[in-house]
Amino acid sequence: MIENKLQQQLSNGTWSDVDDRTEEFLNLCEKNNDMNRDEVLNALDAGKKLRNDPADWYSNCRYEPAETAPAPPIQEFVPDNEEWEY
């Protein structure tokens, strides 16, 4: 089983790992979203962002997004019709 990293949103909009404060932030998410622990964990597993403090717009928690594969390179279009002018 892969363990997800809990992150908090900072005031500049970036995300930071909460590391050893995970339990504290999960408790805040329970309190500020009127959810129990299972509901919080299920919402985070589903990719939701949850409020950890209603006072600030940026007070959210999420699981760190999974790494994605890079997009394939764009192939250059070369027309096979020699009548085209550039």
Protein backbone atom coordinates (compact mmCIF):
# COMPACT_ATOMS: atom_id res chain seq x y z
CA MET A 1 0.00 0.00 0.00
CA ILE A 2 1.32 3.43 -0.97
CA GLU A 3 1.27 5.96 1.83
CA ASN A 4 -0.01 9.34 0.72
CA LYS A 5 1.68 12.54 1.86
CA LEU A 6 -0.68 15.11 3.33
CA GLN A 7 -0.01 18.66 2.18
CA GLN A 8 -1.22 22.09 3.26
CA GLN A 9 -1.71 25.06 0.97
CA LEU A 10 0.39 28.10 1.82
CA SER A 11 -0.71 31.73 1.45
CA ASN A 12 1.23 32.07 -1.83
CA GLY A 13 -0.82 29.20 -3.31
CA THR A 14 1.96 26.59 -3.20
CA TRP A 15 1.67 23.26 -1.37
CA SER A 16 3.91 22.00 1.42
CA ASP A 17 4.15 18.56 3.07
CA VAL A 18 2.89 18.59 6.66
CA ASP A 19 5.23 15.70 7.58
CA ASP A 20 5.10 15.11 11.35
CA ARG A 21 2.00 17.32 11.75
CA THR A 22 -0.28 14.98 9.75
CA GLU A 23 -2.44 14.06 12.74
CA GLU A 24 -2.95 17.73 13.62
CA PHE A 25 -4.08 18.61 10.09
CA LEU A 26 -6.37 15.58 9.82
CA ASN A 27 -8.03 16.69 13.07
CA LEU A 28 -8.47 20.21 11.65
CA CYS A 29 -10.00 18.76 8.47
CA GLU A 30 -12.45 16.71 10.55
CA LYS A 31 -13.46 19.73 12.61
CA ASN A 32 -13.75 22.26 9.77
CA ASN A 33 -15.59 19.96 7.36
CA ASP A 34 -17.92 18.34 9.90
CA MET A 35 -16.61 14.88 8.95
CA ASN A 36 -15.30 11.88 10.82
CA ARG A 37 -11.83 10.48 10.15
CA ASP A 38 -13.01 7.87 7.63
CA GLU A 39 -14.91 10.52 5.65
CA VAL A 40 -11.85 12.80 5.61
CA LEU A 41 -9.54 10.00 4.45
CA ASN A 42 -12.02 8.87 1.77
CA ALA A 43 -12.39 12.44 0.47
CA LEU A 44 -8.61 12.89 0.32
CA ASP A 45 -8.23 9.50 -1.40
CA ALA A 46 -10.77 10.69 -3.99
CA GLY A 47 -8.58 13.72 -4.77
CA LYS A 48 -10.63 16.30 -2.88
CA LYS A 49 -9.15 19.35 -1.15
CA LEU A 50 -10.48 19.91 2.37
CA ARG A 51 -10.54 23.07 4.47
CA ASN A 52 -8.37 23.02 7.58
CA ASP A 53 -9.27 26.55 8.72
CA PRO A 54 -12.28 28.55 7.53
CA ALA A 55 -10.59 31.90 8.22
CA ASP A 56 -8.29 31.99 5.17
CA TRP A 57 -8.92 31.23 1.50
CA TYR A 58 -5.79 29.11 1.23
CA SER A 59 -6.30 26.89 4.29
CA ASN A 60 -6.69 23.61 2.43
CA CYS A 61 -5.27 20.10 2.72
CA ARG A 62 -4.80 17.48 0.02
CA TYR A 63 -2.78 14.39 -0.70
CA GLU A 64 0.32 15.00 -2.77
CA PRO A 65 -0.61 14.37 -6.42
CA ALA A 66 0.87 11.29 -8.06
CA GLU A 67 3.65 11.85 -10.54
CA THR A 68 2.48 11.77 -14.14
CA ALA A 69 4.34 10.67 -17.21
CA PRO A 70 5.52 13.45 -19.52
CA ALA A 71 3.49 14.12 -22.64
CA PRO A 72 4.84 12.59 -25.84
CA PRO A 73 6.76 14.97 -28.10
CA ILE A 74 4.78 16.86 -30.72
CA GLN A 75 5.43 15.59 -34.21
CA GLU A 76 6.02 18.23 -36.82
CA PHE A 77 3.38 18.30 -39.55
CA VAL A 78 4.90 17.97 -42.99
CA PRO A 79 2.35 18.13 -45.79
CA ASP A 80 2.83 15.59 -48.54
CA ASN A 81 1.18 17.89 -51.09
CA GLU A 82 3.94 19.80 -52.92
CA GLU A 83 1.48 22.48 -54.13
CA TRP A 84 1.35 24.15 -50.70
CA GLU A 85 3.17 27.43 -50.35
CA TYR A 86 4.81 28.51 -47.11
